[in-house]
Amino acid sequence: MDFGVVLQTDPPASEVVRLMKAADERGFTYGWTFDSVVLWQEPFVIYSQILAATKNLIVGPMVTNPSTRDWSVTASLFATLNDMFGNRTVCGMGRGDSARRVIGQKPASLATVRESMHVIKELAEGREVVHHGTPVRIPWVRDGKLEMWMAAYGPKALQMVGEHADGFILQTADPAITRWTIGSVRAAAEAAGRDPASITMCVAAPAYVGDDIPHQRDQLRWFGGMVGNHVADLVARYGDSGPVPHELTDYIKGRQEYDYAHHGKAGNPSTDFVPDQIVDRFCLVGPESAHIERLQELKELGVDQFSLYLMHDQREETLNAYGKIIEKV
């Protein structure tokens, strides 16, 4: 199993670079960041510094969206970094939750996500594609490579991952949800004539190593709120008794308004509705042994990469602990 770390690009950027370098030195192979340029700093500027400071880390957004930048800009950003640092980027794509809503816009449609992944990949790898009705090619790309990974929860999005994406990002470490979503992606891939094994399966969730579980839960409760934003969209579309597992939908019944000013941060006051059992299911808490047990379970379910969010008050300690855990999983 590969391991990644997910950070927000809070200033100072030097601290983001420092933690990514520490992750690289401890055996992590992926370095991800949020991409919401009003809430945090522009990640692509920081990626160049991360890549310059690390030896093996593959970097990218978890996740970007089709609407923040023109697709030619996104492709050129990735292609430039790859040309400078040797194809060490990956593009995680989603519909755009915080990045769109904080500027008063709705997330993109799945059709737009699908088309953007195609155009960005083709351009970043040096091939011609029709963009805005015009044939376009980036002429200076040589031997470029960019994998497109897609974040998804609902049936239609999971089908799209299986049909079009190079990787699947599931933002929760719940085993039951992992089993259902990976199974859905693989079934869609087979139906489309693709090899399901060619799609990288990534689970991303907060992890906090330690013994004070009540404190850990309070520090990670924000994640249930973040996931709840996406789940609320699914419930609006499919209803409470739709095809989405109850493990994913039941807990948002007490959800109220959500303030993006606290998005992805410990102590988020918009996440009081998230119960302890959801934190325990969606995140990894407890001592090292509990983390290893959950990681092994996820690995048996077909997870190729676990990426841990480090939005809590013991980032350094958890990063160091995972340097040891990586060797045991």
C-alpha atoms as a PDB file:
ATOM      1  CA  MET A   1       0.000   0.000   0.000  1.00  0.00           C
ATOM      2  CA  ASP A   2       1.178   3.506  -0.852  1.00  0.00           C
ATOM      3  CA  PHE A   3       0.760   6.381   1.588  1.00  0.00           C
ATOM      4  CA  GLY A   4       0.008  10.024   1.019  1.00  0.00           C
ATOM      5  CA  VAL A   5      -0.435  13.102   3.179  1.00  0.00           C
ATOM      6  CA  VAL A   6      -3.082  15.797   2.633  1.00  0.00           C
ATOM      7  CA  LEU A   7      -2.559  19.386   3.795  1.00  0.00           C
ATOM      8  CA  GLN A   8      -4.284  22.709   3.429  1.00  0.00           C
ATOM      9  CA  THR A   9      -2.162  25.457   1.894  1.00  0.00           C
ATOM     10  CA  ASP A  10      -2.412  27.739   4.905  1.00  0.00           C
ATOM     11  CA  PRO A  11       0.280  30.381   5.144  1.00  0.00           C
ATOM     12  CA  PRO A  12       3.148  30.290   5.612  1.00  0.00           C
ATOM     13  CA  ALA A  13       3.740  28.125   2.555  1.00  0.00           C
ATOM     14  CA  SER A  14       7.154  27.248   3.969  1.00  0.00           C
ATOM     15  CA  GLU A  15       5.420  25.166   6.661  1.00  0.00           C
ATOM     16  CA  VAL A  16       3.502  23.202   4.014  1.00  0.00           C
ATOM     17  CA  VAL A  17       6.776  22.549   2.185  1.00  0.00           C
ATOM     18  CA  ARG A  18       8.480  21.513   5.429  1.00  0.00           C
ATOM     19  CA  LEU A  19       5.803  18.968   6.296  1.00  0.00           C
ATOM     20  CA  MET A  20       5.780  17.572   2.774  1.00  0.00           C
ATOM     21  CA  LYS A  21       9.559  17.165   2.925  1.00  0.00           C
ATOM     22  CA  ALA A  22       9.187  15.361   6.254  1.00  0.00           C
ATOM     23  CA  ALA A  23       6.582  13.064   4.688  1.00  0.00           C
ATOM     24  CA  ASP A  24       8.901  12.311   1.770  1.00  0.00           C
ATOM     25  CA  GLU A  25      11.696  11.403   4.177  1.00  0.00           C
ATOM     26  CA  ARG A  26       9.375   9.068   6.118  1.00  0.00           C
ATOM     27  CA  GLY A  27       8.347   6.988   3.130  1.00  0.00           C
ATOM     28  CA  PHE A  28       5.204   8.724   1.901  1.00  0.00           C
ATOM     29  CA  THR A  29       4.879   8.669  -1.881  1.00  0.00           C
ATOM     30  CA  TYR A  30       2.091  11.218  -2.446  1.00  0.00           C
ATOM     31  CA  GLY A  31       1.660  14.786  -1.249  1.00  0.00           C
ATOM     32  CA  TRP A  32      -1.823  16.231  -1.717  1.00  0.00           C
ATOM     33  CA  THR A  33      -3.337  19.617  -0.895  1.00  0.00           C
ATOM     34  CA  PHE A  34      -6.780  21.163  -0.857  1.00  0.00           C
ATOM     35  CA  ASP A  35      -7.509  23.492  -3.796  1.00  0.00           C
ATOM     36  CA  SER A  36      -9.821  26.322  -2.758  1.00  0.00           C
ATOM     37  CA  VAL A  37      -7.996  29.518  -3.584  1.00  0.00           C
ATOM     38  CA  VAL A  38     -10.150  31.896  -1.530  1.00  0.00           C
ATOM     39  CA  LEU A  39      -9.881  29.856   1.659  1.00  0.00           C
ATOM     40  CA  TRP A  40      -6.194  28.968   1.209  1.00  0.00           C
ATOM     41  CA  GLN A  41      -3.189  29.954  -0.878  1.00  0.00           C
ATOM     42  CA  GLU A  42      -2.779  28.998  -4.546  1.00  0.00           C
ATOM     43  CA  PRO A  43      -1.479  25.401  -4.461  1.00  0.00           C
ATOM     44  CA  PHE A  44       0.272  25.239  -7.818  1.00  0.00           C
ATOM     45  CA  VAL A  45       2.746  27.907  -6.753  1.00  0.00           C
ATOM     46  CA  ILE A  46       3.526  25.856  -3.663  1.00  0.00           C
ATOM     47  CA  TYR A  47       3.800  22.587  -5.621  1.00  0.00           C
ATOM     48  CA  SER A  48       6.943  23.843  -7.333  1.00  0.00           C
ATOM     49  CA  GLN A  49       8.557  24.406  -3.955  1.00  0.00           C
ATOM     50  CA  ILE A  50       7.446  20.999  -2.665  1.00  0.00           C
ATOM     51  CA  LEU A  51       8.818  19.215  -5.722  1.00  0.00           C
ATOM     52  CA  ALA A  52      12.123  21.078  -5.459  1.00  0.00           C
ATOM     53  CA  ALA A  53      12.457  20.115  -1.779  1.00  0.00           C
ATOM     54  CA  THR A  54      11.574  16.405  -2.151  1.00  0.00           C
ATOM     55  CA  LYS A  55      13.020  13.439  -4.013  1.00  0.00           C
ATOM     56  CA  ASN A  56      10.173  11.030  -4.628  1.00  0.00           C
ATOM     57  CA  LEU A  57       6.907  12.711  -3.692  1.00  0.00           C
ATOM     58  CA  ILE A  58       4.165  12.893  -6.319  1.00  0.00           C
ATOM     59  CA  VAL A  59       2.063  16.009  -5.749  1.00  0.00           C
ATOM     60  CA  GLY A  60      -1.376  17.215  -6.730  1.00  0.00           C
ATOM     61  CA  PRO A  61      -4.722  18.571  -5.566  1.00  0.00           C
ATOM     62  CA  MET A  62      -7.239  16.585  -3.559  1.00  0.00           C
ATOM     63  CA  VAL A  63      -9.179  17.879  -5.310  1.00  0.00           C
ATOM     64  CA  THR A  64      -9.324  20.547  -7.983  1.00  0.00           C
ATOM     65  CA  ASN A  65     -12.410  21.226 -10.107  1.00  0.00           C
ATOM     66  CA  PRO A  66     -13.285  22.122 -13.704  1.00  0.00           C
ATOM     67  CA  SER A  67     -14.349  25.690 -12.968  1.00  0.00           C
ATOM     68  CA  THR A  68     -11.628  27.523 -11.022  1.00  0.00           C
ATOM     69  CA  ARG A  69      -9.237  27.710 -13.963  1.00  0.00           C
ATOM     70  CA  ASP A  70      -9.584  27.278 -17.702  1.00  0.00           C
ATOM     71  CA  TRP A  71      -8.728  23.685 -18.561  1.00  0.00           C
ATOM     72  CA  SER A  72      -5.801  24.840 -20.704  1.00  0.00           C
ATOM     73  CA  VAL A  73      -4.375  26.660 -17.672  1.00  0.00           C
ATOM     74  CA  THR A  74      -4.751  23.591 -15.450  1.00  0.00           C
ATOM     75  CA  ALA A  75      -3.117  21.383 -18.083  1.00  0.00           C
ATOM     76  CA  SER A  76      -0.230  23.797 -18.581  1.00  0.00           C
ATOM     77  CA  LEU A  77       0.370  24.042 -14.826  1.00  0.00           C
ATOM     78  CA  PHE A  78       0.716  20.282 -14.550  1.00  0.00           C
ATOM     79  CA  ALA A  79       2.765  20.029 -17.750  1.00  0.00           C
ATOM     80  CA  THR A  80       5.159  22.737 -16.576  1.00  0.00           C
ATOM     81  CA  LEU A  81       5.731  21.038 -13.221  1.00  0.00           C
ATOM     82  CA  ASN A  82       6.222  17.693 -14.948  1.00  0.00           C
ATOM     83  CA  ASP A  83       8.729  19.192 -17.365  1.00  0.00           C
ATOM     84  CA  MET A  84      10.652  20.736 -14.473  1.00  0.00           C
ATOM     85  CA  PHE A  85      10.554  17.776 -12.091  1.00  0.00           C
ATOM     86  CA  GLY A  86      10.027  14.644 -14.173  1.00  0.00           C
ATOM     87  CA  ASN A  87       6.318  13.687 -14.243  1.00  0.00           C
ATOM     88  CA  ARG A  88       5.777  13.853 -10.496  1.00  0.00           C
ATOM     89  CA  THR A  89       2.230  15.211 -10.476  1.00  0.00           C
ATOM     90  CA  VAL A  90      -1.259  13.748 -10.282  1.00  0.00           C
ATOM     91  CA  CYS A  91      -4.605  15.479 -10.796  1.00  0.00           C
ATOM     92  CA  GLY A  92      -7.404  14.749  -8.344  1.00  0.00           C
ATOM     93  CA  MET A  93     -10.677  16.040  -9.782  1.00  0.00           C
ATOM     94  CA  GLY A  94     -14.053  16.752  -8.217  1.00  0.00           C
ATOM     95  CA  ARG A  95     -17.103  18.889  -8.793  1.00  0.00           C
ATOM     96  CA  GLY A  96     -15.913  21.768  -6.589  1.00  0.00           C
ATOM     97  CA  ASP A  97     -17.408  22.068  -3.114  1.00  0.00           C
ATOM     98  CA  SER A  98     -15.743  24.853  -1.154  1.00  0.00           C
ATOM     99  CA  ALA A  99     -13.932  26.351  -4.148  1.00  0.00           C
ATOM    100  CA  ARG A 100     -17.236  27.054  -5.903  1.00  0.00           C
ATOM    101  CA  ARG A 101     -19.618  27.676  -3.040  1.00  0.00           C
ATOM    102  CA  VAL A 102     -17.497  30.338  -1.327  1.00  0.00           C
ATOM    103  CA  ILE A 103     -17.760  32.454  -4.489  1.00  0.00           C
ATOM    104  CA  GLY A 104     -21.490  31.931  -4.815  1.00  0.00           C
ATOM    105  CA  GLN A 105     -21.340  29.276  -7.526  1.00  0.00           C
ATOM    106  CA  LYS A 106     -22.696  25.740  -7.677  1.00  0.00           C
ATOM    107  CA  PRO A 107     -20.405  22.709  -8.095  1.00  0.00           C
ATOM    108  CA  ALA A 108     -19.846  21.610 -11.682  1.00  0.00           C
ATOM    109  CA  SER A 109     -21.968  18.935 -13.322  1.00  0.00           C
ATOM    110  CA  LEU A 110     -20.622  15.429 -13.753  1.00  0.00           C
ATOM    111  CA  ALA A 111     -20.671  15.918 -17.517  1.00  0.00           C
ATOM    112  CA  THR A 112     -18.375  18.912 -17.111  1.00  0.00           C
ATOM    113  CA  VAL A 113     -16.086  16.915 -14.822  1.00  0.00           C
ATOM    114  CA  ARG A 114     -15.850  14.131 -17.390  1.00  0.00           C
ATOM    115  CA  GLU A 115     -15.036  16.476 -20.275  1.00  0.00           C
ATOM    116  CA  SER A 116     -12.501  18.421 -18.221  1.00  0.00           C
ATOM    117  CA  MET A 117     -10.606  15.269 -17.269  1.00  0.00           C
ATOM    118  CA  HIS A 118     -10.325  14.310 -20.925  1.00  0.00           C
ATOM    119  CA  VAL A 119      -9.181  17.747 -22.110  1.00  0.00           C
ATOM    120  CA  ILE A 120      -6.699  18.317 -19.263  1.00  0.00           C
ATOM    121  CA  LYS A 121      -5.108  14.884 -19.649  1.00  0.00           C
ATOM    122  CA  GLU A 122      -4.786  15.165 -23.434  1.00  0.00           C
ATOM    123  CA  LEU A 123      -3.234  18.620 -23.255  1.00  0.00           C
ATOM    124  CA  ALA A 124      -0.905  17.792 -20.357  1.00  0.00           C
ATOM    125  CA  GLU A 125       0.372  14.730 -22.217  1.00  0.00           C
ATOM    126  CA  GLY A 126       0.989  16.694 -25.416  1.00  0.00           C
ATOM    127  CA  ARG A 127      -1.911  15.555 -27.584  1.00  0.00           C
ATOM    128  CA  GLU A 128      -4.306  17.695 -29.571  1.00  0.00           C
ATOM    129  CA  VAL A 129      -7.849  18.064 -28.291  1.00  0.00           C
ATOM    130  CA  VAL A 130     -10.832  20.237 -29.122  1.00  0.00           C
ATOM    131  CA  HIS A 131     -11.263  22.897 -26.437  1.00  0.00           C
ATOM    132  CA  HIS A 132     -13.874  25.659 -26.667  1.00  0.00           C
ATOM    133  CA  GLY A 133     -14.576  24.371 -30.170  1.00  0.00           C
ATOM    134  CA  THR A 134     -10.973  24.871 -31.271  1.00  0.00           C
ATOM    135  CA  PRO A 135      -8.235  22.263 -31.858  1.00  0.00           C
ATOM    136  CA  VAL A 136      -5.554  22.923 -29.238  1.00  0.00           C
ATOM    137  CA  ARG A 137      -2.208  21.312 -28.439  1.00  0.00           C
ATOM    138  CA  ILE A 138       0.564  22.384 -26.075  1.00  0.00           C
ATOM    139  CA  PRO A 139       3.548  22.191 -28.446  1.00  0.00           C
ATOM    140  CA  TRP A 140       6.337  22.138 -25.877  1.00  0.00           C
ATOM    141  CA  VAL A 141       5.185  19.036 -23.968  1.00  0.00           C
ATOM    142  CA  ARG A 142       7.602  16.115 -24.343  1.00  0.00           C
ATOM    143  CA  ASP A 143       6.868  12.710 -22.781  1.00  0.00           C
ATOM    144  CA  GLY A 144       4.355  14.249 -20.395  1.00  0.00           C
ATOM    145  CA  LYS A 145       2.248  12.031 -18.145  1.00  0.00           C
ATOM    146  CA  LEU A 146      -0.711  12.997 -15.985  1.00  0.00           C
ATOM    147  CA  GLU A 147      -3.045  10.573 -14.266  1.00  0.00           C
ATOM    148  CA  MET A 148      -6.578  11.806 -13.616  1.00  0.00           C
ATOM    149  CA  TRP A 149      -8.078  10.600 -10.336  1.00  0.00           C
ATOM    150  CA  MET A 150     -11.673  11.402  -9.476  1.00  0.00           C
ATOM    151  CA  ALA A 151     -13.372  11.848  -6.101  1.00  0.00           C
ATOM    152  CA  ALA A 152     -16.827  10.280  -5.874  1.00  0.00           C
ATOM    153  CA  TYR A 153     -19.557   9.069  -3.522  1.00  0.00           C
ATOM    154  CA  GLY A 154     -22.764   8.644  -5.549  1.00  0.00           C
ATOM    155  CA  PRO A 155     -23.699   5.973  -8.105  1.00  0.00           C
ATOM    156  CA  LYS A 156     -23.350   8.153 -11.213  1.00  0.00           C
ATOM    157  CA  ALA A 157     -20.014   9.585 -10.122  1.00  0.00           C
ATOM    158  CA  LEU A 158     -18.698   6.122  -9.234  1.00  0.00           C
ATOM    159  CA  GLN A 159     -19.748   4.879 -12.655  1.00  0.00           C
ATOM    160  CA  MET A 160     -17.850   7.750 -14.247  1.00  0.00           C
ATOM    161  CA  VAL A 161     -14.720   6.854 -12.295  1.00  0.00           C
ATOM    162  CA  GLY A 162     -14.907   3.275 -13.563  1.00  0.00           C
ATOM    163  CA  GLU A 163     -15.451   4.405 -17.132  1.00  0.00           C
ATOM    164  CA  HIS A 164     -12.979   7.291 -17.407  1.00  0.00           C
ATOM    165  CA  ALA A 165     -10.588   7.868 -14.493  1.00  0.00           C
ATOM    166  CA  ASP A 166      -7.102   6.558 -13.748  1.00  0.00           C
ATOM    167  CA  GLY A 167      -7.743   6.573 -10.011  1.00  0.00           C
ATOM    168  CA  PHE A 168     -10.575   6.712  -7.474  1.00  0.00           C
ATOM    169  CA  ILE A 169     -10.517   8.951  -4.394  1.00  0.00           C
ATOM    170  CA  LEU A 170     -12.846   8.025  -1.537  1.00  0.00           C
ATOM    171  CA  GLN A 171     -12.854  10.584   1.236  1.00  0.00           C
ATOM    172  CA  THR A 172     -13.789   8.348   4.164  1.00  0.00           C
ATOM    173  CA  ALA A 173     -12.123   5.317   5.742  1.00  0.00           C
ATOM    174  CA  ASP A 174     -15.357   3.504   6.595  1.00  0.00           C
ATOM    175  CA  PRO A 175     -14.895  -0.151   5.516  1.00  0.00           C
ATOM    176  CA  ALA A 176     -18.542  -0.683   4.505  1.00  0.00           C
ATOM    177  CA  ILE A 177     -18.547   2.408   2.288  1.00  0.00           C
ATOM    178  CA  THR A 178     -15.133   1.443   0.918  1.00  0.00           C
ATOM    179  CA  ARG A 179     -16.433  -1.990  -0.053  1.00  0.00           C
ATOM    180  CA  TRP A 180     -19.504  -0.574  -1.821  1.00  0.00           C
ATOM    181  CA  THR A 181     -17.726   2.224  -3.678  1.00  0.00           C
ATOM    182  CA  ILE A 182     -14.775   0.117  -4.871  1.00  0.00           C
ATOM    183  CA  GLY A 183     -17.190  -2.584  -5.991  1.00  0.00           C
ATOM    184  CA  SER A 184     -19.202  -0.004  -7.931  1.00  0.00           C
ATOM    185  CA  VAL A 185     -16.099   1.410  -9.627  1.00  0.00           C
ATOM    186  CA  ARG A 186     -14.851  -2.022 -10.591  1.00  0.00           C
ATOM    187  CA  ALA A 187     -18.250  -3.076 -11.969  1.00  0.00           C
ATOM    188  CA  ALA A 188     -18.429   0.092 -14.077  1.00  0.00           C
ATOM    189  CA  ALA A 189     -14.912  -0.474 -15.387  1.00  0.00           C
ATOM    190  CA  GLU A 190     -15.721  -4.039 -16.417  1.00  0.00           C
ATOM    191  CA  ALA A 191     -18.927  -2.916 -18.140  1.00  0.00           C
ATOM    192  CA  ALA A 192     -16.915  -0.327 -20.074  1.00  0.00           C
ATOM    193  CA  GLY A 193     -14.354  -2.911 -21.167  1.00  0.00           C
ATOM    194  CA  ARG A 194     -11.633  -1.575 -18.893  1.00  0.00           C
ATOM    195  CA  ASP A 195      -9.386  -3.537 -16.554  1.00  0.00           C
ATOM    196  CA  PRO A 196     -10.547  -2.672 -13.010  1.00  0.00           C
ATOM    197  CA  ALA A 197      -7.032  -3.360 -11.735  1.00  0.00           C
ATOM    198  CA  SER A 198      -5.769  -0.430 -13.805  1.00  0.00           C
ATOM    199  CA  ILE A 199      -7.661   2.030 -11.569  1.00  0.00           C
ATOM    200  CA  THR A 200      -5.801   3.069  -8.411  1.00  0.00           C
ATOM    201  CA  MET A 201      -8.041   2.983  -5.342  1.00  0.00           C
ATOM    202  CA  CYS A 202      -7.243   5.710  -2.798  1.00  0.00           C
ATOM    203  CA  VAL A 203      -8.897   6.186   0.576  1.00  0.00           C
ATOM    204  CA  ALA A 204      -8.312   9.574   2.182  1.00  0.00           C
ATOM    205  CA  ALA A 205      -9.253  10.356   5.771  1.00  0.00           C
ATOM    206  CA  PRO A 206      -7.913  12.075   8.890  1.00  0.00           C
ATOM    207  CA  ALA A 207      -5.606  10.036  11.097  1.00  0.00           C
ATOM    208  CA  TYR A 208      -4.534  10.858  14.642  1.00  0.00           C
ATOM    209  CA  VAL A 209      -2.248   8.476  16.541  1.00  0.00           C
ATOM    210  CA  GLY A 210      -2.530   8.550  20.322  1.00  0.00           C
ATOM    211  CA  ASP A 211      -4.375   7.328  23.401  1.00  0.00           C
ATOM    212  CA  ASP A 212      -6.767  10.191  24.197  1.00  0.00           C
ATOM    213  CA  ILE A 213      -9.598   9.087  21.927  1.00  0.00           C
ATOM    214  CA  PRO A 214     -12.216  11.641  23.125  1.00  0.00           C
ATOM    215  CA  HIS A 215      -9.775  14.443  22.318  1.00  0.00           C
ATOM    216  CA  GLN A 216      -8.951  12.887  18.951  1.00  0.00           C
ATOM    217  CA  ARG A 217     -12.652  12.684  18.091  1.00  0.00           C
ATOM    218  CA  ASP A 218     -13.136  16.363  18.886  1.00  0.00           C
ATOM    219  CA  GLN A 219     -10.145  17.250  16.717  1.00  0.00           C
ATOM    220  CA  LEU A 220     -11.419  15.215  13.753  1.00  0.00           C
ATOM    221  CA  ARG A 221     -15.166  15.877  13.942  1.00  0.00           C
ATOM    222  CA  TRP A 222     -14.749  18.465  11.178  1.00  0.00           C
ATOM    223  CA  PHE A 223     -14.293  15.637   8.652  1.00  0.00           C
ATOM    224  CA  GLY A 224     -17.829  14.339   9.134  1.00  0.00           C
ATOM    225  CA  GLY A 225     -19.055  17.837   8.352  1.00  0.00           C
ATOM    226  CA  MET A 226     -16.958  18.072   5.206  1.00  0.00           C
ATOM    227  CA  VAL A 227     -18.195  14.698   3.960  1.00  0.00           C
ATOM    228  CA  GLY A 228     -21.714  15.730   4.951  1.00  0.00           C
ATOM    229  CA  ASN A 229     -21.678  18.505   2.332  1.00  0.00           C
ATOM    230  CA  HIS A 230     -21.373  15.905  -0.402  1.00  0.00           C
ATOM    231  CA  VAL A 231     -23.787  13.502   1.273  1.00  0.00           C
ATOM    232  CA  ALA A 232     -26.434  16.222   1.497  1.00  0.00           C
ATOM    233  CA  ASP A 233     -26.253  16.584  -2.288  1.00  0.00           C
ATOM    234  CA  LEU A 234     -26.701  12.825  -2.667  1.00  0.00           C
ATOM    235  CA  VAL A 235     -29.711  12.742  -0.356  1.00  0.00           C
ATOM    236  CA  ALA A 236     -31.247  15.640  -2.274  1.00  0.00           C
ATOM    237  CA  ARG A 237     -30.812  13.664  -5.480  1.00  0.00           C
ATOM    238  CA  TYR A 238     -31.607  10.090  -4.392  1.00  0.00           C
ATOM    239  CA  GLY A 239     -33.554  10.499  -1.147  1.00  0.00           C
ATOM    240  CA  ASP A 240     -33.039   8.687   2.162  1.00  0.00           C
ATOM    241  CA  SER A 241     -33.935   5.297   0.673  1.00  0.00           C
ATOM    242  CA  GLY A 242     -31.912   5.554  -2.528  1.00  0.00           C
ATOM    243  CA  PRO A 243     -28.970   3.401  -3.643  1.00  0.00           C
ATOM    244  CA  VAL A 244     -26.428   5.162  -1.415  1.00  0.00           C
ATOM    245  CA  PRO A 245     -25.624   3.087   1.726  1.00  0.00           C
ATOM    246  CA  HIS A 246     -27.197   4.201   4.999  1.00  0.00           C
ATOM    247  CA  GLU A 247     -23.700   4.101   6.521  1.00  0.00           C
ATOM    248  CA  LEU A 248     -23.063   7.243   4.480  1.00  0.00           C
ATOM    249  CA  THR A 249     -26.387   9.070   4.685  1.00  0.00           C
ATOM    250  CA  ASP A 250     -28.078   8.514   8.045  1.00  0.00           C
ATOM    251  CA  TYR A 251     -25.864  10.754  10.158  1.00  0.00           C
ATOM    252  CA  ILE A 252     -26.609  14.039   8.325  1.00  0.00           C
ATOM    253  CA  LYS A 253     -30.234  14.221   9.519  1.00  0.00           C
ATOM    254  CA  GLY A 254     -29.185  16.699  12.205  1.00  0.00           C
ATOM    255  CA  ARG A 255     -27.119  18.812   9.814  1.00  0.00           C
ATOM    256  CA  GLN A 256     -27.845  22.554   9.736  1.00  0.00           C
ATOM    257  CA  GLU A 257     -26.152  25.411   7.905  1.00  0.00           C
ATOM    258  CA  TYR A 258     -22.452  25.014   7.083  1.00  0.00           C
ATOM    259  CA  ASP A 259     -19.910  27.828   7.407  1.00  0.00           C
ATOM    260  CA  TYR A 260     -17.015  27.408   4.971  1.00  0.00           C
ATOM    261  CA  ALA A 261     -14.905  29.810   7.003  1.00  0.00           C
ATOM    262  CA  HIS A 262     -14.119  26.814   9.232  1.00  0.00           C
ATOM    263  CA  HIS A 263     -13.940  24.241   6.411  1.00  0.00           C
ATOM    264  CA  GLY A 264     -11.566  21.369   7.126  1.00  0.00           C
ATOM    265  CA  LYS A 265     -10.451  22.748  10.473  1.00  0.00           C
ATOM    266  CA  ALA A 266     -10.463  21.265  13.961  1.00  0.00           C
ATOM    267  CA  GLY A 267     -13.172  22.775  16.130  1.00  0.00           C
ATOM    268  CA  ASN A 268     -15.467  23.576  13.195  1.00  0.00           C
ATOM    269  CA  PRO A 269     -18.710  24.756  14.912  1.00  0.00           C
ATOM    270  CA  SER A 270     -20.790  23.567  11.939  1.00  0.00           C
ATOM    271  CA  THR A 271     -20.037  19.927  12.732  1.00  0.00           C
ATOM    272  CA  ASP A 272     -21.579  19.467  16.169  1.00  0.00           C
ATOM    273  CA  PHE A 273     -24.144  17.125  14.580  1.00  0.00           C
ATOM    274  CA  VAL A 274     -21.440  14.540  13.797  1.00  0.00           C
ATOM    275  CA  PRO A 275     -21.591  11.724  16.400  1.00  0.00           C
ATOM    276  CA  ASP A 276     -18.578   9.939  17.851  1.00  0.00           C
ATOM    277  CA  GLN A 277     -19.327   6.716  15.982  1.00  0.00           C
ATOM    278  CA  ILE A 278     -19.092   8.534  12.645  1.00  0.00           C
ATOM    279  CA  VAL A 279     -15.687   9.931  13.601  1.00  0.00           C
ATOM    280  CA  ASP A 280     -14.554   6.430  14.560  1.00  0.00           C
ATOM    281  CA  ARG A 281     -15.817   4.952  11.269  1.00  0.00           C
ATOM    282  CA  PHE A 282     -14.754   7.721   8.900  1.00  0.00           C
ATOM    283  CA  CYS A 283     -11.363   8.451  10.486  1.00  0.00           C
ATOM    284  CA  LEU A 284      -8.457   6.541  12.046  1.00  0.00           C
ATOM    285  CA  VAL A 285      -8.058   7.177  15.768  1.00  0.00           C
ATOM    286  CA  GLY A 286      -6.397   5.474  18.719  1.00  0.00           C
ATOM    287  CA  PRO A 287      -2.955   3.957  19.192  1.00  0.00           C
ATOM    288  CA  GLU A 288      -0.709   2.685  16.418  1.00  0.00           C
ATOM    289  CA  SER A 289      -2.163  -0.829  16.622  1.00  0.00           C
ATOM    290  CA  ALA A 290      -5.676   0.452  15.829  1.00  0.00           C
ATOM    291  CA  HIS A 291      -4.394   2.256  12.754  1.00  0.00           C
ATOM    292  CA  ILE A 292      -2.572  -0.820  11.492  1.00  0.00           C
ATOM    293  CA  GLU A 293      -5.684  -2.946  11.979  1.00  0.00           C
ATOM    294  CA  ARG A 294      -7.875  -0.557   9.967  1.00  0.00           C
ATOM    295  CA  LEU A 295      -5.249  -0.110   7.253  1.00  0.00           C
ATOM    296  CA  GLN A 296      -4.919  -3.851   6.811  1.00  0.00           C
ATOM    297  CA  GLU A 297      -8.712  -4.113   6.534  1.00  0.00           C
ATOM    298  CA  LEU A 298      -8.751  -1.401   3.868  1.00  0.00           C
ATOM    299  CA  LYS A 299      -5.923  -3.106   2.014  1.00  0.00           C
ATOM    300  CA  GLU A 300      -7.909  -6.359   1.918  1.00  0.00           C
ATOM    301  CA  LEU A 301     -10.830  -4.421   0.431  1.00  0.00           C
ATOM    302  CA  GLY A 302      -8.635  -3.358  -2.481  1.00  0.00           C
ATOM    303  CA  VAL A 303      -7.282   0.001  -1.329  1.00  0.00           C
ATOM    304  CA  ASP A 304      -3.975   0.830  -3.044  1.00  0.00           C
ATOM    305  CA  GLN A 305      -3.241   4.065  -1.211  1.00  0.00           C
ATOM    306  CA  PHE A 306      -4.175   5.599   2.118  1.00  0.00           C
ATOM    307  CA  SER A 307      -3.769   9.367   2.353  1.00  0.00           C
ATOM    308  CA  LEU A 308      -4.113  10.971   5.751  1.00  0.00           C
ATOM    309  CA  TYR A 309      -5.395  14.450   6.451  1.00  0.00           C
ATOM    310  CA  LEU A 310      -3.313  16.226   9.077  1.00  0.00           C
ATOM    311  CA  MET A 311      -5.754  18.899  10.273  1.00  0.00           C
ATOM    312  CA  HIS A 312      -5.388  18.514  14.023  1.00  0.00           C
ATOM    313  CA  ASP A 313      -3.113  19.539  16.894  1.00  0.00           C
ATOM    314  CA  GLN A 314      -0.612  16.657  16.653  1.00  0.00           C
ATOM    315  CA  ARG A 315       0.445  16.779  13.008  1.00  0.00           C
ATOM    316  CA  GLU A 316       4.136  16.193  13.580  1.00  0.00           C
ATOM    317  CA  GLU A 317       3.617  13.338  16.004  1.00  0.00           C
ATOM    318  CA  THR A 318       1.142  11.540  13.720  1.00  0.00           C
ATOM    319  CA  LEU A 319       3.406  12.038  10.710  1.00  0.00           C
ATOM    320  CA  ASN A 320       6.300  10.498  12.638  1.00  0.00           C
ATOM    321  CA  ALA A 321       4.130   7.612  13.832  1.00  0.00           C
ATOM    322  CA  TYR A 322       3.064   6.863  10.273  1.00  0.00           C
ATOM    323  CA  GLY A 323       6.680   6.702   9.237  1.00  0.00           C
ATOM    324  CA  LYS A 324       6.800   3.547  11.369  1.00  0.00           C
ATOM    325  CA  ILE A 325       3.334   2.308  10.409  1.00  0.00           C
ATOM    326  CA  ILE A 326       4.217   2.439   6.696  1.00  0.00           C
ATOM    327  CA  GLU A 327       6.835  -0.238   7.278  1.00  0.00           C
ATOM    328  CA  LYS A 328       4.277  -2.578   8.915  1.00  0.00           C
ATOM    329  CA  VAL A 329       1.368  -2.449   6.449  1.00  0.00           C
END
